[in-house]
Protein backbone atom coordinates (compact mmCIF):
# COMPACT_ATOMS: atom_id res chain seq x y z
CA MET A 1 -37.76 81.38 56.50
CA ASN A 2 -40.10 84.17 57.66
CA MET A 3 -42.78 86.03 55.83
CA SER A 4 -44.69 89.00 57.23
CA HIS A 5 -47.15 91.43 55.73
CA ASP A 6 -47.21 95.18 56.40
CA HIS A 7 -50.72 96.45 56.63
CA ASN A 8 -52.78 99.07 58.40
CA HIS A 9 -54.01 97.85 61.74
CA THR A 10 -57.79 97.73 61.88
CA ILE A 11 -58.15 99.87 64.97
CA SER A 12 -55.91 102.64 63.67
CA ASN A 13 -58.25 102.93 60.69
CA TYR A 14 -61.04 103.82 63.11
CA ASN A 15 -59.46 106.88 64.72
CA ARG A 16 -62.37 109.14 63.73
CA ALA A 17 -64.94 106.59 64.89
CA PHE A 18 -63.24 106.28 68.29
CA ALA A 19 -62.97 110.05 68.66
CA ILE A 20 -66.66 110.58 67.87
CA GLY A 21 -67.78 107.64 70.01
CA VAL A 22 -65.75 108.70 73.04
CA THR A 23 -66.88 112.33 72.80
CA LEU A 24 -70.57 111.49 72.45
CA ASN A 25 -70.49 109.00 75.31
CA VAL A 26 -68.52 111.21 77.71
CA ILE A 27 -71.10 113.96 77.24
CA PHE A 28 -73.95 111.51 77.66
CA VAL A 29 -72.44 109.89 80.79
CA ALA A 30 -72.26 113.31 82.46
CA ILE A 31 -75.86 114.11 81.50
CA GLU A 32 -77.20 110.67 82.44
CA ALA A 33 -75.46 110.52 85.81
CA GLY A 34 -76.56 114.05 86.72
CA TYR A 35 -80.19 113.47 85.84
CA GLY A 36 -80.07 110.00 87.38
CA PHE A 37 -79.22 111.47 90.76
CA ALA A 38 -81.74 114.29 90.24
CA ALA A 39 -84.52 111.86 89.34
CA GLY A 40 -83.47 109.28 91.95
CA SER A 41 -83.24 106.62 89.26
CA LEU A 42 -80.85 103.76 89.91
CA ALA A 43 -81.50 102.51 86.37
CA LEU A 44 -80.12 105.76 84.93
CA ILE A 45 -77.16 105.78 87.33
CA ALA A 46 -76.42 102.13 86.57
CA ASP A 47 -76.58 102.78 82.84
CA ALA A 48 -74.28 105.81 83.26
CA GLY A 49 -71.77 103.63 85.10
CA HIS A 50 -71.94 101.06 82.34
CA ASN A 51 -71.46 103.74 79.69
CA LEU A 52 -68.46 105.09 81.60
CA SER A 53 -66.85 101.67 81.57
CA ASP A 54 -67.51 101.53 77.83
CA VAL A 55 -65.80 104.91 77.39
CA LEU A 56 -62.76 103.53 79.21
CA SER A 57 -62.85 100.43 77.03
CA LEU A 58 -63.03 102.58 73.89
CA LEU A 59 -60.04 104.60 75.09
CA LEU A 60 -58.09 101.41 75.85
CA ALA A 61 -58.87 99.94 72.42
CA TRP A 62 -58.03 103.21 70.69
CA GLY A 63 -54.73 103.63 72.53
CA ALA A 64 -53.81 99.99 71.94
CA GLY A 65 -54.47 100.41 68.23
CA LEU A 66 -52.20 103.42 68.04
CA LEU A 67 -49.45 101.55 69.91
CA ALA A 68 -49.87 98.48 67.70
CA ALA A 69 -49.15 100.60 64.62
CA LYS A 70 -45.69 101.50 65.96
CA ALA A 71 -42.73 99.86 64.24
CA ALA A 72 -40.94 96.89 65.78
CA THR A 73 -37.62 97.45 67.55
CA GLU A 74 -34.66 95.29 68.53
CA LYS A 75 -36.15 95.12 72.02
CA ARG A 76 -39.72 94.44 70.88
CA THR A 77 -39.40 92.46 67.68
CA TYR A 78 -43.18 92.18 67.32
CA GLY A 79 -43.69 95.83 68.25
CA PHE A 80 -46.68 96.57 70.48
CA ARG A 81 -49.19 94.37 68.66
CA LYS A 82 -49.98 92.33 71.76
CA VAL A 83 -51.36 95.38 73.58
CA THR A 84 -54.55 95.08 71.51
CA ILE A 85 -55.21 91.76 73.25
CA MET A 86 -54.39 93.28 76.65
CA ALA A 87 -56.85 96.10 75.91
CA SER A 88 -59.73 93.76 75.11
CA LEU A 89 -59.01 91.74 78.27
CA SER A 90 -58.88 94.92 80.39
CA GLY A 91 -62.16 96.08 78.87
CA ALA A 92 -63.83 92.83 79.89
CA ILE A 93 -62.54 93.19 83.44
CA LEU A 94 -63.82 96.79 83.65
CA LEU A 95 -67.26 95.59 82.60
CA LEU A 96 -67.26 92.92 85.29
CA ILE A 97 -66.42 95.54 87.91
CA ALA A 98 -69.31 97.70 86.68
CA LEU A 99 -71.55 94.64 86.82
CA GLY A 100 -70.74 94.06 90.48
CA GLY A 101 -71.51 97.67 91.40
CA ILE A 102 -74.83 97.71 89.54
CA THR A 103 -75.96 94.43 91.10
CA TRP A 104 -75.04 95.54 94.63
CA GLU A 105 -76.97 98.80 94.34
CA ALA A 106 -79.98 97.12 92.74
CA ILE A 107 -80.29 94.59 95.56
CA GLY A 108 -80.19 97.46 98.07
CA ARG A 109 -83.05 99.23 96.26
CA PHE A 110 -85.32 96.20 96.69
CA PHE A 111 -85.20 96.77 100.46
CA ASP A 112 -85.29 100.56 100.24
CA PRO A 113 -87.17 101.71 97.11
CA LYS A 114 -86.74 105.38 96.17
CA PRO A 115 -89.18 107.67 94.32
CA VAL A 116 -88.29 108.15 90.65
CA ASP A 117 -89.12 110.97 88.22
CA GLY A 118 -90.43 108.98 85.27
CA VAL A 119 -90.37 111.89 82.79
CA ILE A 120 -86.66 112.59 83.33
CA VAL A 121 -85.88 108.89 83.06
CA ILE A 122 -87.72 108.59 79.75
CA VAL A 123 -86.16 111.68 78.16
CA VAL A 124 -82.57 110.93 79.20
CA ALA A 125 -82.76 107.24 78.32
CA THR A 126 -84.20 108.10 74.90
CA ILE A 127 -81.17 110.30 74.24
CA GLY A 128 -79.07 107.29 75.26
CA VAL A 129 -80.79 105.08 72.69
CA VAL A 130 -79.92 107.58 69.93
CA ILE A 131 -76.28 108.16 71.00
CA ASN A 132 -75.49 104.49 71.57
CA THR A 133 -77.06 103.49 68.24
CA ILE A 134 -75.00 106.11 66.40
CA THR A 135 -71.82 104.95 68.15
CA ALA A 136 -72.53 101.27 67.38
CA LEU A 137 -72.99 102.07 63.69
CA LEU A 138 -69.52 103.64 63.61
CA PHE A 139 -68.02 100.19 64.25
CA VAL A 140 -70.45 97.95 62.38
CA SER A 141 -68.22 97.40 59.33
CA GLY A 142 -65.16 96.18 61.25
CA ARG A 143 -66.79 93.94 63.84
CA LYS A 144 -66.04 90.70 61.94
CA HIS A 145 -62.30 91.28 61.66
CA ASP A 146 -61.10 92.57 65.03
CA LEU A 147 -62.00 91.56 68.59
CA ASN A 148 -61.62 95.13 69.83
CA ILE A 149 -63.87 96.55 67.11
CA LYS A 150 -66.36 93.76 67.75
CA SER A 151 -66.24 94.58 71.45
CA ALA A 152 -66.92 98.27 70.78
CA PHE A 153 -69.82 97.43 68.48
CA LEU A 154 -71.43 94.91 70.84
CA HIS A 155 -71.07 97.21 73.84
CA MET A 156 -72.70 100.13 72.08
CA ALA A 157 -75.45 98.00 70.56
CA ALA A 158 -76.18 96.48 73.97
CA ASP A 159 -76.19 99.95 75.51
CA ALA A 160 -78.81 101.06 73.02
CA GLY A 161 -80.98 98.12 74.06
CA ILE A 162 -80.35 98.80 77.74
CA SER A 163 -81.31 102.47 77.36
CA PHE A 164 -84.49 101.35 75.65
CA GLY A 165 -85.23 99.15 78.66
CA VAL A 166 -84.78 102.16 80.92
CA VAL A 167 -87.30 104.05 78.79
CA VAL A 168 -89.75 101.22 79.37
CA ALA A 169 -89.07 101.39 83.13
CA GLY A 170 -89.81 105.11 83.15
CA ILE A 171 -93.12 104.59 81.36
CA ILE A 172 -94.15 101.82 83.77
CA ILE A 173 -93.30 104.00 86.78
CA MET A 174 -95.36 106.89 85.37
CA VAL A 175 -98.35 104.67 84.66
CA THR A 176 -98.32 102.38 87.71
CA GLY A 177 -96.08 104.08 90.29
CA TRP A 178 -94.40 100.71 90.86
CA LEU A 179 -90.94 101.72 92.14
CA LEU A 180 -89.50 98.21 92.22
CA ILE A 181 -89.35 98.24 88.41
CA ASP A 182 -86.26 100.48 88.74
CA PRO A 183 -84.01 97.89 90.50
CA ILE A 184 -85.57 95.14 88.35
CA ILE A 185 -84.47 96.96 85.19
CA SER A 186 -81.06 97.52 86.79
CA LEU A 187 -80.65 93.78 87.30
CA LEU A 188 -81.68 93.21 83.69
CA VAL A 189 -78.96 95.69 82.72
CA ALA A 190 -76.50 93.61 84.74
CA ALA A 191 -77.65 90.42 83.01
CA VAL A 192 -77.15 91.95 79.56
CA ILE A 193 -73.67 93.14 80.54
CA LEU A 194 -72.78 89.68 81.86
CA ALA A 195 -73.97 87.97 78.67
CA GLY A 196 -71.92 90.28 76.47
CA THR A 197 -68.87 90.36 78.72
CA TRP A 198 -68.53 86.61 79.19
CA SER A 199 -67.76 85.89 75.54
CA LEU A 200 -65.43 88.91 75.36
CA LEU A 201 -63.58 87.76 78.49
CA ARG A 202 -63.30 84.19 77.17
CA ASP A 203 -62.01 85.23 73.74
CA SER A 204 -59.60 87.80 75.19
CA MET A 205 -58.22 85.30 77.69
CA ASN A 206 -57.71 82.72 74.94
CA LEU A 207 -55.77 85.23 72.85
CA ALA A 208 -53.74 86.32 75.89
CA ILE A 209 -52.49 82.75 76.45
CA ASP A 210 -51.74 82.27 72.74
CA SER A 211 -54.60 79.88 71.97
CA VAL A 212 -55.48 79.28 68.34
CA PRO A 213 -57.66 82.28 67.38
CA GLU A 214 -61.35 81.91 66.58
CA GLY A 215 -61.91 81.23 62.89
CA ILE A 216 -58.64 79.34 62.44
CA ASP A 217 -59.13 75.60 61.83
CA ILE A 218 -55.82 74.03 62.83
CA ASN A 219 -56.94 70.58 61.67
CA GLU A 220 -57.59 71.99 58.21
CA ILE A 221 -54.10 73.51 58.24
CA LYS A 222 -52.65 70.11 59.18
CA ARG A 223 -54.52 68.44 56.32
CA TYR A 224 -53.27 71.06 53.89
CA LEU A 225 -49.63 70.78 54.98
CA THR A 226 -49.52 66.99 55.06
CA GLY A 227 -51.16 66.90 51.63
CA LEU A 228 -48.36 68.89 50.00
CA GLU A 229 -46.25 67.12 47.41
CA ASN A 230 -42.89 65.93 48.81
CA VAL A 231 -44.05 66.49 52.41
CA SER A 232 -44.21 63.21 54.30
CA GLN A 233 -44.86 64.49 57.84
CA ILE A 234 -45.10 67.64 59.91
CA HIS A 235 -44.34 68.39 63.55
CA ASP A 236 -44.10 71.32 65.96
CA LEU A 237 -47.06 73.11 64.39
CA HIS A 238 -48.00 76.21 66.38
CA VAL A 239 -50.61 78.86 65.59
CA TRP A 240 -51.00 81.91 67.84
CA PRO A 241 -52.23 85.52 67.77
CA MET A 242 -49.75 88.39 67.46
CA SER A 243 -52.62 90.85 67.97
CA THR A 244 -56.41 90.88 67.73
CA THR A 245 -56.08 91.00 63.92
CA GLU A 246 -52.85 89.11 63.06
CA VAL A 247 -52.05 85.41 63.33
CA ALA A 248 -48.63 83.73 63.28
CA LEU A 249 -47.65 80.14 62.46
CA SER A 250 -44.53 78.03 62.77
CA VAL A 251 -44.06 74.44 61.60
CA HIS A 252 -41.42 71.86 60.73
CA LEU A 253 -41.93 69.98 57.44
CA ILE A 254 -40.36 66.59 56.78
CA ILE A 255 -39.66 66.36 53.05
CA VAL A 256 -38.69 63.42 50.85
CA ASP A 257 -36.99 65.54 48.18
CA ASP A 258 -34.35 68.08 49.22
CA SER A 259 -34.25 69.75 45.81
CA LEU A 260 -37.01 72.18 46.75
CA ASN A 261 -36.25 75.84 46.13
CA ASN A 262 -37.39 79.13 47.63
CA ASN A 263 -40.37 79.27 45.29
CA PHE A 264 -41.85 76.33 47.23
CA LEU A 265 -41.62 78.29 50.49
CA PHE A 266 -42.95 81.47 48.95
CA GLU A 267 -45.96 79.71 47.44
CA LEU A 268 -46.61 77.82 50.69
CA GLN A 269 -46.61 81.02 52.73
CA ARG A 270 -48.84 82.72 50.19
CA GLN A 271 -51.34 79.87 50.45
CA LEU A 272 -51.25 79.99 54.24
CA HIS A 273 -52.05 83.69 54.05
CA ASP A 274 -54.80 83.45 51.43
CA ARG A 275 -56.46 80.28 52.74
CA PHE A 276 -56.06 80.64 56.48
CA SER A 277 -55.31 84.35 57.07
CA ILE A 278 -51.86 83.60 58.49
CA GLU A 279 -50.04 86.94 58.43
CA HIS A 280 -46.64 85.71 59.61
CA SER A 281 -45.35 82.20 58.95
CA THR A 282 -42.04 80.54 59.85
CA ILE A 283 -41.34 77.23 58.11
CA GLN A 284 -38.48 74.87 58.93
CA VAL A 285 -37.73 72.26 56.26
CA GLU A 286 -36.10 68.96 57.30
CA LYS A 287 -35.04 66.06 55.12
CA GLN A 288 -36.43 62.65 55.94
CA ASN A 289 -33.62 60.37 57.07
CA ASP A 290 -34.57 56.92 58.29
CA GLY A 291 -37.36 58.27 60.46
CA TYR A 292 -35.07 60.63 62.37
CA CYS A 293 -35.47 64.43 62.38
CA ALA A 294 -32.45 66.52 63.29
CA LEU A 295 -34.57 69.09 65.15
CA ASN A 296 -36.85 66.59 66.82
CA LYS A 297 -34.88 64.04 68.82
CA ASN A 298 -38.02 62.12 69.73
CA GLY A 299 -38.58 61.28 66.09
CA CYS A 300 -40.85 62.64 63.37
CA ILE A 301 -44.12 63.15 65.25
């Protein structure tokens, strides 16, 4: 028996936030890159590259959310829900590519430092602090419920901190004339990106290979199911993500009383939803028969 719940996908509820965030950041990337080249600041150029990768990630997450809201078909019985996981994984890979580029350029600047216009760096990076903070706040309310929304929030919040670091670099260059601070800040930018990207990559990869999602305690689910009245054993318990916001479960229950009715299944699925946030559950009921399960030829394990 199957049970699924129709609901609005988290990302599709953030259409306005994505539109505003993408627009603000596209404008800022163009400004930051232009002034970065004009001022000769690798820190600004590196930050612009990072912001561009974030724009692409926002577009991926936004597009995936819109696709995930499409109805299922006979060909795609789960619809396009899985593309939200693919989007978060692609976003992590884009960030790693940006990380490699920033690091390569920063190392080169250590051997060939370039003069930097500290005033331009300070002004442009300050604008970045404001824009990235505004964008991060657009996603603050949904960051606990969706990996893509969390990714967008963390990226923008990190960008605000990175832009602040660039402001500091500009001030130091103006006061001391120490040009090496520019590639040093660039490497710090790379370190911040790596720290944020690693957890995103790990979580996205886990979801992509159908690992049990974060926040789901499968041992607690086992204890709950085996503690049910008339249930002697369980086997073939599987929990996997259908998207970045929806979790599915399937399980075989070995029962000692075959007089159970549909109300038992309905209440069980409701409890799985309310207690463990399982959106879609499939439950196979088997009668205990001398330790042999019809759908498990190796026995009730």
